Amino acid sequence: MQFSVKVGSYQNNTTLNICDTELLGKKIEQDELTMNISENYYGEKFVDTEEAKSLLENSSIINMVGSKTVSLSIELGVGSENGVKMISGIPFLIVFKI
């Protein structure tokens, strides 16, 4: 399984934007909410599951979208089902580790 990621930094914290690869370049809409899953924001490189796990565990600020991505973060204990929001049936989650 592959994931699309972009890694950065903000105020000495590692940031991670990660999504299911099949969502890259798509736009999802629900009511007045629109989310562009752009290559500019999520598409720096593709990684396998093991690298995705490492990035999820070692990043401080994580923006994730997609069922595979969100499920992996919950499996690792990084994310919580309580924080998951759905946009047109697609899970979206933001995590800030303190």
PDB file of N, CA and C in Angstrom:
ATOM      1  N   MET A   1       0.838  -1.171   0.000  1.00  0.00           N
ATOM      2  CA  MET A   1       0.000   0.000   0.000  1.00  0.00           C
ATOM      3  C   MET A   1       0.889   1.241   0.000  1.00  0.00           C
ATOM      4  N   GLN A   2       0.479   2.258  -0.750  1.00  0.00           N
ATOM      5  CA  GLN A   2       1.248   3.498  -0.820  1.00  0.00           C
ATOM      6  C   GLN A   2       0.420   4.672  -0.331  1.00  0.00           C
ATOM      7  N   PHE A   3       1.124   5.686   0.144  1.00  0.00           N
ATOM      8  CA  PHE A   3       0.520   6.918   0.611  1.00  0.00           C
ATOM      9  C   PHE A   3       1.254   8.072  -0.044  1.00  0.00           C
ATOM     10  N   SER A   4       0.563   9.183  -0.223  1.00  0.00           N
ATOM     11  CA  SER A   4       1.181  10.387  -0.763  1.00  0.00           C
ATOM     12  C   SER A   4       1.431  11.341   0.400  1.00  0.00           C
ATOM     13  N   VAL A   5       2.656  11.860   0.494  1.00  0.00           N
ATOM     14  CA  VAL A   5       3.016  12.682   1.651  1.00  0.00           C
ATOM     15  C   VAL A   5       3.782  13.938   1.242  1.00  0.00           C
ATOM     16  N   LYS A   6       3.700  14.919   2.131  1.00  0.00           N
ATOM     17  CA  LYS A   6       4.551  16.098   2.066  1.00  0.00           C
ATOM     18  C   LYS A   6       4.969  16.396   3.495  1.00  0.00           C
ATOM     19  N   VAL A   7       6.277  16.454   3.720  1.00  0.00           N
ATOM     20  CA  VAL A   7       6.831  16.682   5.048  1.00  0.00           C
ATOM     21  C   VAL A   7       7.425  18.079   5.087  1.00  0.00           C
ATOM     22  N   GLY A   8       7.209  18.761   6.200  1.00  0.00           N
ATOM     23  CA  GLY A   8       7.765  20.098   6.360  1.00  0.00           C
ATOM     24  C   GLY A   8       8.061  20.363   7.818  1.00  0.00           C
ATOM     25  N   SER A   9       8.269  21.634   8.139  1.00  0.00           N
ATOM     26  CA  SER A   9       8.486  22.000   9.535  1.00  0.00           C
ATOM     27  C   SER A   9       7.822  23.342   9.808  1.00  0.00           C
ATOM     28  N   TYR A  10       7.399  23.492  11.055  1.00  0.00           N
ATOM     29  CA  TYR A  10       6.763  24.723  11.510  1.00  0.00           C
ATOM     30  C   TYR A  10       7.127  24.908  12.979  1.00  0.00           C
ATOM     31  N   GLN A  11       7.827  25.991  13.285  1.00  0.00           N
ATOM     32  CA  GLN A  11       8.234  26.307  14.652  1.00  0.00           C
ATOM     33  C   GLN A  11       8.859  25.096  15.356  1.00  0.00           C
ATOM     34  N   ASN A  12       9.871  24.529  14.746  1.00  0.00           N
ATOM     35  CA  ASN A  12      10.612  23.382  15.281  1.00  0.00           C
ATOM     36  C   ASN A  12       9.777  22.111  15.439  1.00  0.00           C
ATOM     37  N   ASN A  13       8.661  22.015  14.743  1.00  0.00           N
ATOM     38  CA  ASN A  13       7.833  20.805  14.733  1.00  0.00           C
ATOM     39  C   ASN A  13       7.814  20.227  13.329  1.00  0.00           C
ATOM     40  N   THR A  14       7.819  18.904  13.233  1.00  0.00           N
ATOM     41  CA  THR A  14       7.699  18.249  11.939  1.00  0.00           C
ATOM     42  C   THR A  14       6.232  18.202  11.554  1.00  0.00           C
ATOM     43  N   THR A  15       5.927  18.684  10.356  1.00  0.00           N
ATOM     44  CA  THR A  15       4.553  18.648   9.851  1.00  0.00           C
ATOM     45  C   THR A  15       4.448  17.570   8.784  1.00  0.00           C
ATOM     46  N   LEU A  16       3.287  16.953   8.734  1.00  0.00           N
ATOM     47  CA  LEU A  16       3.050  15.889   7.762  1.00  0.00           C
ATOM     48  C   LEU A  16       1.666  16.062   7.157  1.00  0.00           C
ATOM     49  N   ASN A  17       1.615  16.162   5.850  1.00  0.00           N
ATOM     50  CA  ASN A  17       0.364  16.098   5.096  1.00  0.00           C
ATOM     51  C   ASN A  17       0.391  14.757   4.396  1.00  0.00           C
ATOM     52  N   ILE A  18      -0.612  13.932   4.635  1.00  0.00           N
ATOM     53  CA  ILE A  18      -0.608  12.566   4.110  1.00  0.00           C
ATOM     54  C   ILE A  18      -2.017  12.178   3.676  1.00  0.00           C
ATOM     55  N   CYS A  19      -2.098  11.487   2.525  1.00  0.00           N
ATOM     56  CA  CYS A  19      -3.404  11.050   2.026  1.00  0.00           C
ATOM     57  C   CYS A  19      -3.273   9.722   1.291  1.00  0.00           C
ATOM     58  N   ASP A  20      -4.424   9.087   1.095  1.00  0.00           N
ATOM     59  CA  ASP A  20      -4.494   7.899   0.247  1.00  0.00           C
ATOM     60  C   ASP A  20      -4.119   8.338  -1.171  1.00  0.00           C
ATOM     61  N   THR A  21      -3.273   7.585  -1.845  1.00  0.00           N
ATOM     62  CA  THR A  21      -2.782   8.002  -3.162  1.00  0.00           C
ATOM     63  C   THR A  21      -3.899   8.216  -4.171  1.00  0.00           C
ATOM     64  N   GLU A  22      -4.963   7.421  -4.106  1.00  0.00           N
ATOM     65  CA  GLU A  22      -6.024   7.562  -5.106  1.00  0.00           C
ATOM     66  C   GLU A  22      -6.827   8.855  -4.945  1.00  0.00           C
ATOM     67  N   LEU A  23      -6.659   9.557  -3.826  1.00  0.00           N
ATOM     68  CA  LEU A  23      -7.360  10.831  -3.616  1.00  0.00           C
ATOM     69  C   LEU A  23      -6.568  12.033  -4.136  1.00  0.00           C
ATOM     70  N   LEU A  24      -5.294  11.834  -4.396  1.00  0.00           N
ATOM     71  CA  LEU A  24      -4.425  12.934  -4.826  1.00  0.00           C
ATOM     72  C   LEU A  24      -4.973  13.578  -6.103  1.00  0.00           C
ATOM     73  N   GLY A  25      -5.115  14.901  -6.064  1.00  0.00           N
ATOM     74  CA  GLY A  25      -5.611  15.646  -7.208  1.00  0.00           C
ATOM     75  C   GLY A  25      -7.124  15.756  -7.279  1.00  0.00           C
ATOM     76  N   LYS A  26      -7.829  15.167  -6.320  1.00  0.00           N
ATOM     77  CA  LYS A  26      -9.294  15.206  -6.331  1.00  0.00           C
ATOM     78  C   LYS A  26      -9.821  16.369  -5.493  1.00  0.00           C
ATOM     79  N   LYS A  27     -11.060  16.712  -5.759  1.00  0.00           N
ATOM     80  CA  LYS A  27     -11.768  17.710  -4.974  1.00  0.00           C
ATOM     81  C   LYS A  27     -12.988  17.029  -4.375  1.00  0.00           C
ATOM     82  N   ILE A  28     -13.153  17.161  -3.059  1.00  0.00           N
ATOM     83  CA  ILE A  28     -14.332  16.596  -2.412  1.00  0.00           C
ATOM     84  C   ILE A  28     -15.175  17.746  -1.868  1.00  0.00           C
ATOM     85  N   GLU A  29     -16.476  17.586  -2.009  1.00  0.00           N
ATOM     86  CA  GLU A  29     -17.394  18.652  -1.614  1.00  0.00           C
ATOM     87  C   GLU A  29     -18.560  18.083  -0.834  1.00  0.00           C
ATOM     88  N   GLN A  30     -18.983  18.862   0.150  1.00  0.00           N
ATOM     89  CA  GLN A  30     -20.179  18.515   0.915  1.00  0.00           C
ATOM     90  C   GLN A  30     -20.787  19.821   1.400  1.00  0.00           C
ATOM     91  N   ASP A  31     -22.021  20.043   1.046  1.00  0.00           N
ATOM     92  CA  ASP A  31     -22.710  21.288   1.375  1.00  0.00           C
ATOM     93  C   ASP A  31     -21.866  22.471   0.908  1.00  0.00           C
ATOM     94  N   GLU A  32     -21.479  23.349   1.818  1.00  0.00           N
ATOM     95  CA  GLU A  32     -20.680  24.522   1.444  1.00  0.00           C
ATOM     96  C   GLU A  32     -19.186  24.307   1.641  1.00  0.00           C
ATOM     97  N   LEU A  33     -18.792  23.090   1.983  1.00  0.00           N
ATOM     98  CA  LEU A  33     -17.390  22.765   2.253  1.00  0.00           C
ATOM     99  C   LEU A  33     -16.752  22.111   1.030  1.00  0.00           C
ATOM    100  N   THR A  34     -15.590  22.636   0.633  1.00  0.00           N
ATOM    101  CA  THR A  34     -14.828  22.061  -0.479  1.00  0.00           C
ATOM    102  C   THR A  34     -13.404  21.819  -0.012  1.00  0.00           C
ATOM    103  N   MET A  35     -12.869  20.639  -0.302  1.00  0.00           N
ATOM    104  CA  MET A  35     -11.478  20.332   0.023  1.00  0.00           C
ATOM    105  C   MET A  35     -10.773  19.881  -1.250  1.00  0.00           C
ATOM    106  N   ASN A  36      -9.703  20.593  -1.590  1.00  0.00           N
ATOM    107  CA  ASN A  36      -8.859  20.202  -2.720  1.00  0.00           C
ATOM    108  C   ASN A  36      -7.693  19.388  -2.172  1.00  0.00           C
ATOM    109  N   ILE A  37      -7.581  18.173  -2.613  1.00  0.00           N
ATOM    110  CA  ILE A  37      -6.481  17.301  -2.177  1.00  0.00           C
ATOM    111  C   ILE A  37      -5.393  17.454  -3.241  1.00  0.00           C
ATOM    112  N   SER A  38      -4.711  18.572  -3.152  1.00  0.00           N
ATOM    113  CA  SER A  38      -3.797  18.978  -4.223  1.00  0.00           C
ATOM    114  C   SER A  38      -2.430  18.317  -4.124  1.00  0.00           C
ATOM    115  N   GLU A  39      -1.806  18.156  -5.285  1.00  0.00           N
ATOM    116  CA  GLU A  39      -0.448  17.621  -5.338  1.00  0.00           C
ATOM    117  C   GLU A  39       0.522  18.572  -4.647  1.00  0.00           C
ATOM    118  N   ASN A  40       0.240  19.858  -4.693  1.00  0.00           N
ATOM    119  CA  ASN A  40       1.103  20.844  -4.049  1.00  0.00           C
ATOM    120  C   ASN A  40       1.130  20.662  -2.531  1.00  0.00           C
ATOM    121  N   TYR A  41       0.010  20.263  -1.949  1.00  0.00           N
ATOM    122  CA  TYR A  41      -0.111  20.139  -0.498  1.00  0.00           C
ATOM    123  C   TYR A  41       0.194  18.732   0.006  1.00  0.00           C
ATOM    124  N   TYR A  42      -0.179  17.707  -0.755  1.00  0.00           N
ATOM    125  CA  TYR A  42      -0.034  16.315  -0.309  1.00  0.00           C
ATOM    126  C   TYR A  42       0.937  15.488  -1.153  1.00  0.00           C
ATOM    127  N   GLY A  43       1.443  16.024  -2.247  1.00  0.00           N
ATOM    128  CA  GLY A  43       2.096  15.175  -3.224  1.00  0.00           C
ATOM    129  C   GLY A  43       3.587  15.313  -3.402  1.00  0.00           C
ATOM    130  N   GLU A  44       4.324  15.507  -2.349  1.00  0.00           N
ATOM    131  CA  GLU A  44       5.778  15.608  -2.486  1.00  0.00           C
ATOM    132  C   GLU A  44       6.401  14.284  -2.936  1.00  0.00           C
ATOM    133  N   LYS A  45       5.939  13.175  -2.319  1.00  0.00           N
ATOM    134  CA  LYS A  45       6.459  11.856  -2.689  1.00  0.00           C
ATOM    135  C   LYS A  45       5.485  10.769  -2.250  1.00  0.00           C
ATOM    136  N   PHE A  46       5.688   9.572  -2.801  1.00  0.00           N
ATOM    137  CA  PHE A  46       4.909   8.402  -2.405  1.00  0.00           C
ATOM    138  C   PHE A  46       5.760   7.558  -1.469  1.00  0.00           C
ATOM    139  N   VAL A  47       5.119   7.025  -0.416  1.00  0.00           N
ATOM    140  CA  VAL A  47       5.831   6.182   0.547  1.00  0.00           C
ATOM    141  C   VAL A  47       5.047   4.898   0.770  1.00  0.00           C
ATOM    142  N   ASP A  48       5.747   3.863   1.225  1.00  0.00           N
ATOM    143  CA  ASP A  48       5.078   2.611   1.546  1.00  0.00           C
ATOM    144  C   ASP A  48       4.540   2.663   2.976  1.00  0.00           C
ATOM    145  N   THR A  49       3.877   1.612   3.387  1.00  0.00           N
ATOM    146  CA  THR A  49       3.229   1.575   4.697  1.00  0.00           C
ATOM    147  C   THR A  49       4.219   1.763   5.835  1.00  0.00           C
ATOM    148  N   GLU A  50       5.379   1.136   5.759  1.00  0.00           N
ATOM    149  CA  GLU A  50       6.357   1.246   6.847  1.00  0.00           C
ATOM    150  C   GLU A  50       6.863   2.673   7.010  1.00  0.00           C
ATOM    151  N   GLU A  51       7.145   3.355   5.912  1.00  0.00           N
ATOM    152  CA  GLU A  51       7.594   4.742   6.004  1.00  0.00           C
ATOM    153  C   GLU A  51       6.459   5.638   6.476  1.00  0.00           C
ATOM    154  N   ALA A  52       5.235   5.358   6.039  1.00  0.00           N
ATOM    155  CA  ALA A  52       4.071   6.127   6.492  1.00  0.00           C
ATOM    156  C   ALA A  52       3.906   5.983   8.007  1.00  0.00           C
ATOM    157  N   LYS A  53       4.062   4.777   8.529  1.00  0.00           N
ATOM    158  CA  LYS A  53       3.975   4.552   9.977  1.00  0.00           C
ATOM    159  C   LYS A  53       5.007   5.397  10.713  1.00  0.00           C
ATOM    160  N   SER A  54       6.238   5.373  10.235  1.00  0.00           N
ATOM    161  CA  SER A  54       7.310   6.140  10.865  1.00  0.00           C
ATOM    162  C   SER A  54       7.012   7.635  10.840  1.00  0.00           C
ATOM    163  N   LEU A  55       6.552   8.128   9.707  1.00  0.00           N
ATOM    164  CA  LEU A  55       6.218   9.549   9.597  1.00  0.00           C
ATOM    165  C   LEU A  55       5.062   9.924  10.531  1.00  0.00           C
ATOM    166  N   LEU A  56       4.042   9.093  10.593  1.00  0.00           N
ATOM    167  CA  LEU A  56       2.906   9.361  11.479  1.00  0.00           C
ATOM    168  C   LEU A  56       3.342   9.386  12.945  1.00  0.00           C
ATOM    169  N   GLU A  57       4.208   8.447  13.315  1.00  0.00           N
ATOM    170  CA  GLU A  57       4.651   8.359  14.708  1.00  0.00           C
ATOM    171  C   GLU A  57       5.598   9.496  15.096  1.00  0.00           C
ATOM    172  N   ASN A  58       6.334  10.039  14.136  1.00  0.00           N
ATOM    173  CA  ASN A  58       7.371  11.015  14.451  1.00  0.00           C
ATOM    174  C   ASN A  58       7.054  12.450  14.059  1.00  0.00           C
ATOM    175  N   SER A  59       5.861  12.703  13.577  1.00  0.00           N
ATOM    176  CA  SER A  59       5.466  14.063  13.208  1.00  0.00           C
ATOM    177  C   SER A  59       4.628  14.672  14.321  1.00  0.00           C
ATOM    178  N   SER A  60       4.716  15.987  14.468  1.00  0.00           N
ATOM    179  CA  SER A  60       4.004  16.687  15.539  1.00  0.00           C
ATOM    180  C   SER A  60       2.661  17.237  15.088  1.00  0.00           C
ATOM    181  N   ILE A  61       2.589  17.665  13.830  1.00  0.00           N
ATOM    182  CA  ILE A  61       1.364  18.237  13.277  1.00  0.00           C
ATOM    183  C   ILE A  61       1.029  17.443  12.024  1.00  0.00           C
ATOM    184  N   ILE A  62      -0.126  16.770  12.029  1.00  0.00           N
ATOM    185  CA  ILE A  62      -0.466  15.864  10.928  1.00  0.00           C
ATOM    186  C   ILE A  62      -1.838  16.211  10.370  1.00  0.00           C
ATOM    187  N   ASN A  63      -1.883  16.369   9.062  1.00  0.00           N
ATOM    188  CA  ASN A  63      -3.123  16.625   8.334  1.00  0.00           C
ATOM    189  C   ASN A  63      -3.316  15.421   7.419  1.00  0.00           C
ATOM    190  N   MET A  64      -4.376  14.654   7.638  1.00  0.00           N
ATOM    191  CA  MET A  64      -4.532  13.422   6.864  1.00  0.00           C
ATOM    192  C   MET A  64      -5.937  13.282   6.300  1.00  0.00           C
ATOM    193  N   VAL A  65      -6.003  12.643   5.139  1.00  0.00           N
ATOM    194  CA  VAL A  65      -7.299  12.418   4.502  1.00  0.00           C
ATOM    195  C   VAL A  65      -7.286  11.067   3.781  1.00  0.00           C
ATOM    196  N   GLY A  66      -8.408  10.347   3.911  1.00  0.00           N
ATOM    197  CA  GLY A  66      -8.533   9.046   3.253  1.00  0.00           C
ATOM    198  C   GLY A  66      -8.700   7.927   4.263  1.00  0.00           C
ATOM    199  N   SER A  67      -9.464   6.917   3.887  1.00  0.00           N
ATOM    200  CA  SER A  67      -9.769   5.830   4.824  1.00  0.00           C
ATOM    201  C   SER A  67      -8.531   5.023   5.218  1.00  0.00           C
ATOM    202  N   LYS A  68      -7.639   4.746   4.268  1.00  0.00           N
ATOM    203  CA  LYS A  68      -6.435   3.967   4.599  1.00  0.00           C
ATOM    204  C   LYS A  68      -5.523   4.754   5.528  1.00  0.00           C
ATOM    205  N   THR A  69      -5.344   6.028   5.240  1.00  0.00           N
ATOM    206  CA  THR A  69      -4.460   6.881   6.033  1.00  0.00           C
ATOM    207  C   THR A  69      -4.987   7.050   7.452  1.00  0.00           C
ATOM    208  N   VAL A  70      -6.254   7.420   7.578  1.00  0.00           N
ATOM    209  CA  VAL A  70      -6.846   7.642   8.892  1.00  0.00           C
ATOM    210  C   VAL A  70      -6.879   6.335   9.691  1.00  0.00           C
ATOM    211  N   SER A  71      -7.221   5.222   9.046  1.00  0.00           N
ATOM    212  CA  SER A  71      -7.233   3.920   9.736  1.00  0.00           C
ATOM    213  C   SER A  71      -5.851   3.561  10.264  1.00  0.00           C
ATOM    214  N   LEU A  72      -4.813   3.815   9.470  1.00  0.00           N
ATOM    215  CA  LEU A  72      -3.445   3.525   9.903  1.00  0.00           C
ATOM    216  C   LEU A  72      -3.083   4.361  11.127  1.00  0.00           C
ATOM    217  N   SER A  73      -3.451   5.626  11.125  1.00  0.00           N
ATOM    218  CA  SER A  73      -3.116   6.487  12.264  1.00  0.00           C
ATOM    219  C   SER A  73      -3.843   6.031  13.533  1.00  0.00           C
ATOM    220  N   ILE A  74      -5.081   5.583  13.398  1.00  0.00           N
ATOM    221  CA  ILE A  74      -5.827   5.097  14.556  1.00  0.00           C
ATOM    222  C   ILE A  74      -5.220   3.789  15.055  1.00  0.00           C
ATOM    223  N   GLU A  75      -4.846   2.907  14.125  1.00  0.00           N
ATOM    224  CA  GLU A  75      -4.194   1.633  14.474  1.00  0.00           C
ATOM    225  C   GLU A  75      -2.916   1.873  15.273  1.00  0.00           C
ATOM    226  N   LEU A  76      -2.174   2.930  14.924  1.00  0.00           N
ATOM    227  CA  LEU A  76      -0.917   3.254  15.607  1.00  0.00           C
ATOM    228  C   LEU A  76      -1.133   4.009  16.917  1.00  0.00           C
ATOM    229  N   GLY A  77      -2.357   4.451  17.175  1.00  0.00           N
ATOM    230  CA  GLY A  77      -2.625   5.245  18.372  1.00  0.00           C
ATOM    231  C   GLY A  77      -2.266   6.710  18.199  1.00  0.00           C
ATOM    232  N   VAL A  78      -1.998   7.120  16.972  1.00  0.00           N
ATOM    233  CA  VAL A  78      -1.653   8.514  16.677  1.00  0.00           C
ATOM    234  C   VAL A  78      -2.924   9.354  16.617  1.00  0.00           C
ATOM    235  N   GLY A  79      -3.934   8.835  15.942  1.00  0.00           N
ATOM    236  CA  GLY A  79      -5.216   9.521  15.815  1.00  0.00           C
ATOM    237  C   GLY A  79      -6.279   8.822  16.634  1.00  0.00           C
ATOM    238  N   SER A  80      -7.403   9.493  16.790  1.00  0.00           N
ATOM    239  CA  SER A  80      -8.525   8.943  17.527  1.00  0.00           C
ATOM    240  C   SER A  80      -9.780   9.033  16.670  1.00  0.00           C
ATOM    241  N   GLU A  81     -10.604   7.993  16.752  1.00  0.00           N
ATOM    242  CA  GLU A  81     -11.846   7.997  15.988  1.00  0.00           C
ATOM    243  C   GLU A  81     -12.730   9.179  16.369  1.00  0.00           C
ATOM    244  N   ASN A  82     -12.609   9.667  17.592  1.00  0.00           N
ATOM    245  CA  ASN A  82     -13.426  10.791  18.054  1.00  0.00           C
ATOM    246  C   ASN A  82     -13.141  12.069  17.263  1.00  0.00           C
ATOM    247  N   GLY A  83     -11.946  12.202  16.701  1.00  0.00           N
ATOM    248  CA  GLY A  83     -11.581  13.410  15.976  1.00  0.00           C
ATOM    249  C   GLY A  83     -11.851  13.356  14.483  1.00  0.00           C
ATOM    250  N   VAL A  84     -12.255  12.205  13.977  1.00  0.00           N
ATOM    251  CA  VAL A  84     -12.443  12.032  12.536  1.00  0.00           C
ATOM    252  C   VAL A  84     -13.703  12.749  12.070  1.00  0.00           C
ATOM    253  N   LYS A  85     -13.558  13.539  11.024  1.00  0.00           N
ATOM    254  CA  LYS A  85     -14.687  14.201  10.372  1.00  0.00           C
ATOM    255  C   LYS A  85     -14.846  13.576   8.993  1.00  0.00           C
ATOM    256  N   MET A  86     -16.077  13.544   8.520  1.00  0.00           N
ATOM    257  CA  MET A  86     -16.353  12.986   7.200  1.00  0.00           C
ATOM    258  C   MET A  86     -16.747  14.095   6.241  1.00  0.00           C
ATOM    259  N   ILE A  87     -16.157  14.076   5.062  1.00  0.00           N
ATOM    260  CA  ILE A  87     -16.508  15.005   3.999  1.00  0.00           C
ATOM    261  C   ILE A  87     -16.876  14.153   2.790  1.00  0.00           C
ATOM    262  N   SER A  88     -18.135  14.137   2.447  1.00  0.00           N
ATOM    263  CA  SER A  88     -18.646  13.289   1.350  1.00  0.00           C
ATOM    264  C   SER A  88     -18.209  11.842   1.513  1.00  0.00           C
ATOM    265  N   GLY A  89     -18.254  11.343   2.742  1.00  0.00           N
ATOM    266  CA  GLY A  89     -17.920   9.951   3.018  1.00  0.00           C
ATOM    267  C   GLY A  89     -16.434   9.650   3.115  1.00  0.00           C
ATOM    268  N   ILE A  90     -15.595  10.675   3.004  1.00  0.00           N
ATOM    269  CA  ILE A  90     -14.137  10.486   3.074  1.00  0.00           C
ATOM    270  C   ILE A  90     -13.641  11.023   4.415  1.00  0.00           C
ATOM    271  N   PRO A  91     -12.941  10.187   5.212  1.00  0.00           N
ATOM    272  CA  PRO A  91     -12.470  10.640   6.520  1.00  0.00           C
ATOM    273  C   PRO A  91     -11.312  11.637   6.418  1.00  0.00           C
ATOM    274  N   PHE A  92     -11.348  12.587   7.336  1.00  0.00           N
ATOM    275  CA  PHE A  92     -10.350  13.650   7.422  1.00  0.00           C
ATOM    276  C   PHE A  92     -10.010  13.833   8.896  1.00  0.00           C
ATOM    277  N   LEU A  93      -8.725  13.991   9.199  1.00  0.00           N
ATOM    278  CA  LEU A  93      -8.302  14.108  10.595  1.00  0.00           C
ATOM    279  C   LEU A  93      -7.067  14.993  10.689  1.00  0.00           C
ATOM    280  N   ILE A  94      -7.061  15.862  11.696  1.00  0.00           N
ATOM    281  CA  ILE A  94      -5.882  16.677  11.998  1.00  0.00           C
ATOM    282  C   ILE A  94      -5.444  16.310  13.415  1.00  0.00           C
ATOM    283  N   VAL A  95      -4.138  16.102  13.591  1.00  0.00           N
ATOM    284  CA  VAL A  95      -3.585  15.744  14.890  1.00  0.00           C
ATOM    285  C   VAL A  95      -2.481  16.729  15.249  1.00  0.00           C
ATOM    286  N   PHE A  96      -2.555  17.253  16.484  1.00  0.00           N
ATOM    287  CA  PHE A  96      -1.493  18.081  17.051  1.00  0.00           C
ATOM    288  C   PHE A  96      -0.972  17.338  18.272  1.00  0.00           C
ATOM    289  N   LYS A  97       0.281  16.948  18.253  1.00  0.00           N
ATOM    290  CA  LYS A  97       0.868  16.268  19.404  1.00  0.00           C
ATOM    291  C   LYS A  97       1.528  17.316  20.295  1.00  0.00           C
ATOM    292  N   ILE A  98       1.203  17.255  21.563  1.00  0.00           N
ATOM    293  CA  ILE A  98       1.750  18.236  22.508  1.00  0.00           C
ATOM    294  C   ILE A  98       2.861  17.597  23.315  1.00  0.00           C
TER     295      ILE A  98
END
